[in-house]
Amino acid sequence: MMLGKTKKVIEAQENEIKLNLSNNYKDTAYEEYLRYVDLINSYRSQGKISERDYEKLSMKADEYKRRFKGYIKY
């Protein structure tokens, strides 16, 4: 289970990705996506999110990654 502050930080990062995608700023959205992935990995290693929450967030990250397919070279 995520604590309130942790959840707000993650949600804010997700909102940045969504906002940039909706405005068609793919470069910026991709940078925000990379920050999002780093953030959830960092929170996982620090024990701020559970494995269950990490799995859910990883699934969201995979969805974002699919949206960038063909645009960004991995």
C-alpha atoms as a PDB file:
ATOM      1  CA  MET A   1       0.000   0.000   0.000  1.00  0.00           C
ATOM      2  CA  MET A   2       1.280   3.440  -0.929  1.00  0.00           C
ATOM      3  CA  LEU A   3       1.333   6.277   1.540  1.00  0.00           C
ATOM      4  CA  GLY A   4      -0.401   9.535   0.638  1.00  0.00           C
ATOM      5  CA  LYS A   5       2.697  11.544  -0.264  1.00  0.00           C
ATOM      6  CA  THR A   6       4.180   8.723  -2.336  1.00  0.00           C
ATOM      7  CA  LYS A   7       0.901   8.247  -4.180  1.00  0.00           C
ATOM      8  CA  LYS A   8       0.621  11.971  -4.925  1.00  0.00           C
ATOM      9  CA  VAL A   9       4.142  12.122  -6.338  1.00  0.00           C
ATOM     10  CA  ILE A  10       3.503   9.124  -8.595  1.00  0.00           C
ATOM     11  CA  GLU A  11       0.136  10.485  -9.737  1.00  0.00           C
ATOM     12  CA  ALA A  12       1.692  13.875 -10.488  1.00  0.00           C
ATOM     13  CA  GLN A  13       4.317  12.186 -12.653  1.00  0.00           C
ATOM     14  CA  GLU A  14       1.621  10.205 -14.487  1.00  0.00           C
ATOM     15  CA  ASN A  15      -0.311  13.418 -15.079  1.00  0.00           C
ATOM     16  CA  GLU A  16       2.775  15.034 -16.628  1.00  0.00           C
ATOM     17  CA  ILE A  17       3.045  12.148 -19.089  1.00  0.00           C
ATOM     18  CA  LYS A  18      -0.645  12.332 -19.968  1.00  0.00           C
ATOM     19  CA  LEU A  19      -0.571  16.105 -20.358  1.00  0.00           C
ATOM     20  CA  ASN A  20       2.404  16.034 -22.698  1.00  0.00           C
ATOM     21  CA  LEU A  21       0.926  13.202 -24.741  1.00  0.00           C
ATOM     22  CA  SER A  22      -2.386  15.029 -25.070  1.00  0.00           C
ATOM     23  CA  ASN A  23      -0.539  18.114 -26.314  1.00  0.00           C
ATOM     24  CA  ASN A  24       1.501  15.950 -28.700  1.00  0.00           C
ATOM     25  CA  TYR A  25       4.796  16.806 -26.996  1.00  0.00           C
ATOM     26  CA  LYS A  26       6.236  13.350 -27.466  1.00  0.00           C
ATOM     27  CA  ASP A  27       9.834  14.223 -26.632  1.00  0.00           C
ATOM     28  CA  THR A  28       8.826  15.749 -23.331  1.00  0.00           C
ATOM     29  CA  ALA A  29       6.331  12.980 -22.631  1.00  0.00           C
ATOM     30  CA  TYR A  30       9.051  10.401 -23.192  1.00  0.00           C
ATOM     31  CA  GLU A  31      11.379  12.206 -20.788  1.00  0.00           C
ATOM     32  CA  GLU A  32       8.594  12.241 -18.201  1.00  0.00           C
ATOM     33  CA  TYR A  33       8.029   8.527 -18.837  1.00  0.00           C
ATOM     34  CA  LEU A  34      11.707   7.821 -18.100  1.00  0.00           C
ATOM     35  CA  ARG A  35      11.436   9.823 -14.865  1.00  0.00           C
ATOM     36  CA  TYR A  36       8.308   7.835 -13.994  1.00  0.00           C
ATOM     37  CA  VAL A  37      10.111   4.523 -14.451  1.00  0.00           C
ATOM     38  CA  ASP A  38      13.057   5.751 -12.370  1.00  0.00           C
ATOM     39  CA  LEU A  39      10.667   6.988  -9.697  1.00  0.00           C
ATOM     40  CA  ILE A  40       8.767   3.720  -9.290  1.00  0.00           C
ATOM     41  CA  ASN A  41      12.018   1.726  -9.290  1.00  0.00           C
ATOM     42  CA  SER A  42      13.466   4.043  -6.666  1.00  0.00           C
ATOM     43  CA  TYR A  43      10.374   3.828  -4.478  1.00  0.00           C
ATOM     44  CA  ARG A  44      10.421   0.058  -4.790  1.00  0.00           C
ATOM     45  CA  SER A  45      14.045  -0.186  -3.678  1.00  0.00           C
ATOM     46  CA  GLN A  46      13.361   2.198  -0.782  1.00  0.00           C
ATOM     47  CA  GLY A  47      10.364   0.141   0.325  1.00  0.00           C
ATOM     48  CA  LYS A  48       7.924   3.017  -0.201  1.00  0.00           C
ATOM     49  CA  ILE A  49       5.667   0.886  -2.403  1.00  0.00           C
ATOM     50  CA  SER A  50       4.706  -2.752  -2.069  1.00  0.00           C
ATOM     51  CA  GLU A  51       5.416  -5.404  -4.672  1.00  0.00           C
ATOM     52  CA  ARG A  52       1.726  -5.437  -5.558  1.00  0.00           C
ATOM     53  CA  ASP A  53       1.692  -1.681  -6.166  1.00  0.00           C
ATOM     54  CA  TYR A  54       4.937  -1.966  -8.102  1.00  0.00           C
ATOM     55  CA  GLU A  55       3.378  -4.562 -10.411  1.00  0.00           C
ATOM     56  CA  LYS A  56       0.393  -2.282 -11.089  1.00  0.00           C
ATOM     57  CA  LEU A  57       2.639   0.700 -11.762  1.00  0.00           C
ATOM     58  CA  SER A  58       4.882  -1.383 -14.004  1.00  0.00           C
ATOM     59  CA  MET A  59       1.863  -2.357 -16.072  1.00  0.00           C
ATOM     60  CA  LYS A  60       1.046   1.340 -16.523  1.00  0.00           C
ATOM     61  CA  ALA A  61       4.655   2.011 -17.505  1.00  0.00           C
ATOM     62  CA  ASP A  62       4.422  -0.763 -20.119  1.00  0.00           C
ATOM     63  CA  GLU A  63       1.276   0.847 -21.536  1.00  0.00           C
ATOM     64  CA  TYR A  64       3.099   4.158 -21.888  1.00  0.00           C
ATOM     65  CA  LYS A  65       6.055   2.395 -23.478  1.00  0.00           C
ATOM     66  CA  ARG A  66       3.752   0.894 -26.126  1.00  0.00           C
ATOM     67  CA  ARG A  67       2.474   4.378 -26.940  1.00  0.00           C
ATOM     68  CA  PHE A  68       6.032   5.429 -27.746  1.00  0.00           C
ATOM     69  CA  LYS A  69       6.714   2.407 -29.948  1.00  0.00           C
ATOM     70  CA  GLY A  70       7.872   3.522 -33.364  1.00  0.00           C
ATOM     71  CA  TYR A  71       8.615   7.005 -32.125  1.00  0.00           C
ATOM     72  CA  ILE A  72      11.477   6.481 -29.705  1.00  0.00           C
ATOM     73  CA  LYS A  73      14.290   4.032 -30.325  1.00  0.00           C
ATOM     74  CA  TYR A  74      15.020   1.894 -27.265  1.00  0.00           C
END
